[in-house]
N, C-alpha and C. Protein backbone atom coordinates (compact mmCIF):
# COMPACT_ATOMS: atom_id res chain seq x y z
N MET A 1 120.03 120.17 123.53
CA MET A 1 120.54 119.02 122.84
C MET A 1 119.60 117.83 123.01
N GLU A 2 119.06 117.67 124.21
CA GLU A 2 118.15 116.55 124.47
C GLU A 2 116.88 116.69 123.64
N GLN A 3 116.41 117.92 123.44
CA GLN A 3 115.21 118.15 122.64
C GLN A 3 115.47 117.80 121.18
N THR A 4 116.66 118.09 120.67
CA THR A 4 117.02 117.73 119.31
C THR A 4 117.05 116.21 119.15
N GLN A 5 117.57 115.53 120.14
CA GLN A 5 117.62 114.06 120.11
C GLN A 5 116.21 113.48 120.12
N ASN A 6 115.31 114.07 120.91
CA ASN A 6 113.93 113.61 120.96
C ASN A 6 113.24 113.80 119.60
N ARG A 7 113.50 114.91 118.94
CA ARG A 7 112.91 115.16 117.62
C ARG A 7 113.40 114.14 116.60
N LYS A 8 114.71 113.83 116.65
CA LYS A 8 115.26 112.84 115.73
C LYS A 8 114.63 111.47 115.99
N THR A 9 114.46 111.13 117.24
CA THR A 9 113.84 109.86 117.60
C THR A 9 112.39 109.82 117.13
N ASP A 10 111.65 110.91 117.31
CA ASP A 10 110.27 110.97 116.86
C ASP A 10 110.17 110.81 115.35
N ARG A 11 111.04 111.48 114.62
CA ARG A 11 111.03 111.38 113.15
C ARG A 11 111.39 109.97 112.71
N LEU A 12 112.34 109.35 113.39
CA LEU A 12 112.73 107.99 113.06
C LEU A 12 111.56 107.02 113.27
N ILE A 13 110.87 107.17 114.39
CA ILE A 13 109.72 106.30 114.67
C ILE A 13 108.63 106.50 113.62
N LEU A 14 108.35 107.74 113.25
CA LEU A 14 107.34 108.01 112.22
C LEU A 14 107.75 107.45 110.86
N ASN A 15 109.02 107.55 110.52
CA ASN A 15 109.49 106.98 109.26
C ASN A 15 109.39 105.46 109.26
N VAL A 16 109.67 104.84 110.39
CA VAL A 16 109.54 103.38 110.50
C VAL A 16 108.08 102.98 110.35
N ILE A 17 107.17 103.74 110.95
CA ILE A 17 105.74 103.45 110.80
C ILE A 17 105.32 103.53 109.34
N ILE A 18 105.77 104.54 108.63
CA ILE A 18 105.43 104.67 107.21
C ILE A 18 105.94 103.46 106.43
N ILE A 19 107.19 103.09 106.65
CA ILE A 19 107.78 101.97 105.93
C ILE A 19 107.06 100.66 106.23
N VAL A 20 106.78 100.42 107.49
CA VAL A 20 106.09 99.18 107.88
C VAL A 20 104.69 99.13 107.26
N LEU A 21 103.96 100.22 107.33
CA LEU A 21 102.61 100.23 106.75
C LEU A 21 102.64 100.06 105.24
N ILE A 22 103.60 100.65 104.57
CA ILE A 22 103.71 100.46 103.12
C ILE A 22 104.04 99.00 102.80
N LEU A 23 104.95 98.39 103.54
CA LEU A 23 105.28 96.99 103.31
C LEU A 23 104.08 96.08 103.55
N VAL A 24 103.33 96.32 104.61
CA VAL A 24 102.14 95.52 104.88
C VAL A 24 101.12 95.68 103.76
N ASN A 25 100.97 96.89 103.26
CA ASN A 25 100.02 97.13 102.17
C ASN A 25 100.47 96.48 100.87
N VAL A 26 101.76 96.47 100.59
CA VAL A 26 102.27 95.80 99.39
C VAL A 26 102.05 94.29 99.51
N ILE A 27 102.30 93.73 100.68
CA ILE A 27 102.03 92.30 100.89
C ILE A 27 100.55 92.01 100.68
N PHE A 28 99.69 92.89 101.18
CA PHE A 28 98.25 92.72 100.99
C PHE A 28 97.89 92.75 99.52
N LEU A 29 98.35 93.76 98.79
CA LEU A 29 98.01 93.90 97.37
C LEU A 29 98.47 92.71 96.55
N ILE A 30 99.72 92.31 96.73
CA ILE A 30 100.24 91.20 95.94
C ILE A 30 99.60 89.88 96.36
N GLY A 31 99.43 89.67 97.65
CA GLY A 31 98.82 88.43 98.12
C GLY A 31 97.36 88.29 97.73
N LYS A 32 96.65 89.39 97.64
CA LYS A 32 95.22 89.35 97.30
C LYS A 32 94.99 89.34 95.80
N PHE A 33 95.65 90.20 95.07
CA PHE A 33 95.32 90.40 93.67
C PHE A 33 96.28 89.74 92.68
N LEU A 34 97.48 89.38 93.09
CA LEU A 34 98.44 88.73 92.20
C LEU A 34 99.07 87.49 92.84
N PRO A 35 98.29 86.59 93.38
CA PRO A 35 98.89 85.47 94.12
C PRO A 35 99.66 84.49 93.24
N SER A 36 99.29 84.35 91.98
CA SER A 36 99.96 83.36 91.13
C SER A 36 101.26 83.87 90.51
N LEU A 37 101.48 85.17 90.53
CA LEU A 37 102.66 85.73 89.88
C LEU A 37 103.86 85.89 90.81
N TYR A 38 103.64 85.81 92.10
CA TYR A 38 104.72 86.08 93.04
C TYR A 38 104.90 84.94 94.02
N PRO A 39 106.01 84.92 94.73
CA PRO A 39 106.31 83.81 95.63
C PRO A 39 105.27 83.62 96.73
N ALA A 40 105.36 82.48 97.34
CA ALA A 40 104.41 82.11 98.40
C ALA A 40 104.52 83.03 99.61
N PHE A 41 105.61 83.76 99.74
CA PHE A 41 105.77 84.68 100.87
C PHE A 41 104.61 85.66 100.95
N PHE A 42 104.23 86.22 99.82
CA PHE A 42 103.16 87.21 99.80
C PHE A 42 101.80 86.58 100.08
N VAL A 43 101.59 85.37 99.56
CA VAL A 43 100.33 84.67 99.80
C VAL A 43 100.21 84.31 101.28
N GLU A 44 101.29 83.82 101.86
CA GLU A 44 101.26 83.50 103.29
C GLU A 44 101.10 84.75 104.14
N GLY A 45 101.74 85.83 103.72
CA GLY A 45 101.57 87.10 104.43
C GLY A 45 100.13 87.59 104.37
N PHE A 46 99.50 87.42 103.22
CA PHE A 46 98.09 87.80 103.09
C PHE A 46 97.21 86.93 103.98
N LYS A 47 97.52 85.64 104.05
CA LYS A 47 96.73 84.75 104.92
C LYS A 47 96.85 85.17 106.38
N ILE A 48 98.04 85.55 106.79
CA ILE A 48 98.24 86.02 108.17
C ILE A 48 97.45 87.30 108.40
N LEU A 49 97.49 88.23 107.43
CA LEU A 49 96.71 89.46 107.54
C LEU A 49 95.22 89.16 107.64
N LYS A 50 94.75 88.21 106.84
CA LYS A 50 93.33 87.87 106.82
C LYS A 50 92.89 87.20 108.11
N GLU A 51 93.73 86.32 108.64
CA GLU A 51 93.38 85.61 109.87
C GLU A 51 93.36 86.54 111.07
N ASN A 52 94.19 87.55 111.06
CA ASN A 52 94.30 88.49 112.18
C ASN A 52 93.86 89.89 111.78
N LYS A 53 92.84 89.99 110.94
CA LYS A 53 92.46 91.29 110.38
C LYS A 53 92.00 92.28 111.44
N GLY A 54 91.42 91.83 112.51
CA GLY A 54 90.99 92.74 113.57
C GLY A 54 92.15 93.46 114.22
N TYR A 55 93.18 92.70 114.57
CA TYR A 55 94.36 93.29 115.20
C TYR A 55 95.08 94.23 114.23
N PHE A 56 95.25 93.76 112.99
CA PHE A 56 95.95 94.58 112.01
C PHE A 56 95.17 95.85 111.67
N THR A 57 93.85 95.75 111.65
CA THR A 57 93.04 96.94 111.35
C THR A 57 93.19 97.98 112.44
N ILE A 58 93.16 97.56 113.68
CA ILE A 58 93.32 98.50 114.80
C ILE A 58 94.71 99.13 114.77
N LEU A 59 95.74 98.31 114.59
CA LEU A 59 97.10 98.84 114.56
C LEU A 59 97.32 99.76 113.35
N GLU A 60 96.75 99.38 112.21
CA GLU A 60 96.91 100.22 111.04
C GLU A 60 96.15 101.54 111.20
N PHE A 61 94.99 101.48 111.82
CA PHE A 61 94.25 102.73 112.08
C PHE A 61 95.07 103.66 112.98
N LEU A 62 95.65 103.11 114.04
CA LEU A 62 96.46 103.94 114.93
C LEU A 62 97.67 104.52 114.20
N GLY A 63 98.33 103.71 113.39
CA GLY A 63 99.48 104.19 112.63
C GLY A 63 99.10 105.25 111.61
N ALA A 64 98.03 104.99 110.85
CA ALA A 64 97.61 105.95 109.82
C ALA A 64 97.13 107.25 110.45
N ALA A 65 96.40 107.16 111.55
CA ALA A 65 95.93 108.37 112.23
C ALA A 65 97.11 109.17 112.77
N THR A 66 98.09 108.49 113.34
CA THR A 66 99.28 109.16 113.86
C THR A 66 100.02 109.88 112.74
N LEU A 67 100.19 109.20 111.62
CA LEU A 67 100.89 109.81 110.48
C LEU A 67 100.13 111.01 109.94
N PHE A 68 98.81 110.90 109.86
CA PHE A 68 98.01 112.00 109.35
C PHE A 68 98.07 113.21 110.28
N VAL A 69 97.93 112.99 111.56
CA VAL A 69 98.00 114.10 112.52
C VAL A 69 99.38 114.74 112.50
N ASP A 70 100.43 113.93 112.39
CA ASP A 70 101.78 114.46 112.30
C ASP A 70 101.96 115.29 111.03
N LEU A 71 101.41 114.80 109.92
CA LEU A 71 101.52 115.54 108.66
C LEU A 71 100.82 116.88 108.75
N VAL A 72 99.63 116.90 109.33
CA VAL A 72 98.90 118.16 109.47
C VAL A 72 99.62 119.10 110.43
N GLY A 73 100.10 118.57 111.53
CA GLY A 73 100.75 119.40 112.55
C GLY A 73 102.08 119.98 112.12
N ARG A 74 102.84 119.22 111.34
CA ARG A 74 104.17 119.67 110.94
C ARG A 74 104.28 119.93 109.44
N PHE A 75 103.17 120.25 108.79
CA PHE A 75 103.15 120.39 107.34
C PHE A 75 104.16 121.42 106.84
N GLU A 76 104.29 122.52 107.51
CA GLU A 76 105.19 123.59 107.07
C GLU A 76 106.66 123.25 107.28
N GLN A 77 106.95 122.28 108.11
CA GLN A 77 108.34 121.93 108.38
C GLN A 77 108.96 121.07 107.29
N PHE A 78 108.13 120.38 106.52
CA PHE A 78 108.64 119.55 105.43
C PHE A 78 108.97 120.44 104.24
N GLU A 79 109.99 120.04 103.48
CA GLU A 79 110.44 120.87 102.38
C GLU A 79 110.55 120.08 101.09
N GLY A 80 110.18 120.71 100.00
CA GLY A 80 110.42 120.21 98.65
C GLY A 80 110.00 118.79 98.38
N ARG A 81 110.95 118.02 97.90
CA ARG A 81 110.69 116.65 97.48
C ARG A 81 110.28 115.76 98.65
N ASN A 82 110.87 115.99 99.82
CA ASN A 82 110.49 115.19 101.00
C ASN A 82 109.02 115.37 101.34
N LYS A 83 108.54 116.58 101.17
CA LYS A 83 107.12 116.87 101.45
C LYS A 83 106.22 116.08 100.50
N THR A 84 106.56 116.08 99.22
CA THR A 84 105.77 115.38 98.22
C THR A 84 105.77 113.87 98.46
N ILE A 85 106.94 113.33 98.74
CA ILE A 85 107.05 111.89 99.00
C ILE A 85 106.27 111.51 100.25
N ARG A 86 106.38 112.31 101.28
CA ARG A 86 105.67 112.02 102.54
C ARG A 86 104.15 112.08 102.34
N ILE A 87 103.68 113.09 101.63
CA ILE A 87 102.24 113.20 101.38
C ILE A 87 101.75 112.01 100.56
N ALA A 88 102.51 111.63 99.52
CA ALA A 88 102.12 110.48 98.70
C ALA A 88 102.10 109.19 99.51
N ALA A 89 103.10 108.99 100.37
CA ALA A 89 103.16 107.77 101.18
C ALA A 89 102.00 107.71 102.16
N ILE A 90 101.70 108.81 102.80
CA ILE A 90 100.59 108.83 103.77
C ILE A 90 99.26 108.69 103.05
N ALA A 91 99.12 109.29 101.88
CA ALA A 91 97.89 109.11 101.10
C ALA A 91 97.72 107.66 100.70
N PHE A 92 98.80 107.00 100.29
CA PHE A 92 98.75 105.58 99.94
C PHE A 92 98.31 104.75 101.14
N VAL A 93 98.88 105.02 102.29
CA VAL A 93 98.53 104.28 103.50
C VAL A 93 97.06 104.49 103.86
N MET A 94 96.58 105.72 103.78
CA MET A 94 95.19 106.01 104.13
C MET A 94 94.22 105.33 103.15
N VAL A 95 94.51 105.42 101.86
CA VAL A 95 93.64 104.80 100.86
C VAL A 95 93.65 103.28 101.01
N MET A 96 94.81 102.71 101.22
CA MET A 96 94.89 101.26 101.38
C MET A 96 94.20 100.79 102.65
N PHE A 97 94.19 101.61 103.68
CA PHE A 97 93.44 101.26 104.89
C PHE A 97 91.96 101.11 104.56
N LEU A 98 91.42 102.04 103.81
CA LEU A 98 90.01 101.97 103.42
C LEU A 98 89.75 100.81 102.46
N VAL A 99 90.68 100.56 101.54
CA VAL A 99 90.53 99.43 100.61
C VAL A 99 90.52 98.12 101.38
N LYS A 100 91.41 97.98 102.35
CA LYS A 100 91.45 96.74 103.13
C LYS A 100 90.17 96.53 103.92
N ILE A 101 89.65 97.59 104.50
CA ILE A 101 88.39 97.46 105.23
C ILE A 101 87.30 96.97 104.27
N PHE A 102 87.24 97.56 103.09
CA PHE A 102 86.23 97.17 102.11
C PHE A 102 86.42 95.72 101.65
N VAL A 103 87.64 95.35 101.31
CA VAL A 103 87.90 93.99 100.83
C VAL A 103 87.61 92.97 101.91
N PHE A 104 88.06 93.22 103.13
CA PHE A 104 87.79 92.27 104.21
C PHE A 104 86.31 92.20 104.53
N TYR A 105 85.60 93.31 104.39
CA TYR A 105 84.16 93.29 104.62
C TYR A 105 83.46 92.44 103.56
N ILE A 106 83.84 92.63 102.30
CA ILE A 106 83.24 91.84 101.23
C ILE A 106 83.56 90.37 101.42
N ASP A 107 84.79 90.05 101.78
CA ASP A 107 85.17 88.66 102.01
C ASP A 107 84.34 88.04 103.13
N SER A 108 84.14 88.77 104.20
CA SER A 108 83.38 88.22 105.32
C SER A 108 81.89 88.21 105.02
N ALA A 109 81.40 89.14 104.22
CA ALA A 109 79.97 89.20 103.91
C ALA A 109 79.54 88.04 103.02
N TYR A 110 80.40 87.67 102.07
CA TYR A 110 80.07 86.58 101.16
C TYR A 110 80.67 85.25 101.58
N LEU A 111 81.45 85.27 102.65
CA LEU A 111 82.15 84.06 103.10
C LEU A 111 82.93 83.42 101.96
N ALA A 112 83.55 84.27 101.15
CA ALA A 112 84.32 83.80 100.00
C ALA A 112 85.81 83.83 100.32
N GLU A 113 86.55 83.03 99.59
CA GLU A 113 87.99 83.04 99.76
C GLU A 113 88.66 83.50 98.52
């Protein structure tokens, strides 16, 4: 019974990581590319991400790597629609991690805002 509880806790933590990373990436996308169409919340969120990009990059790398390793390790345990959604979410997180690195590098290379 304790092992079942640990598995549920592990899955919950992994699902929270996916949700948090997707929310951070949505804030990044809207704050960077659509700042005039949406509320100041997203623009301020993007500014916080930009000011603390080193910390967020390290944390996002750890989260994305954890999700990827979990996906590879437990790939056969996922079923049907959940498998597709999980793969799409993790692919989005991984691609956005690379996009953020590129965008922040370009911003810092040109010293542009």
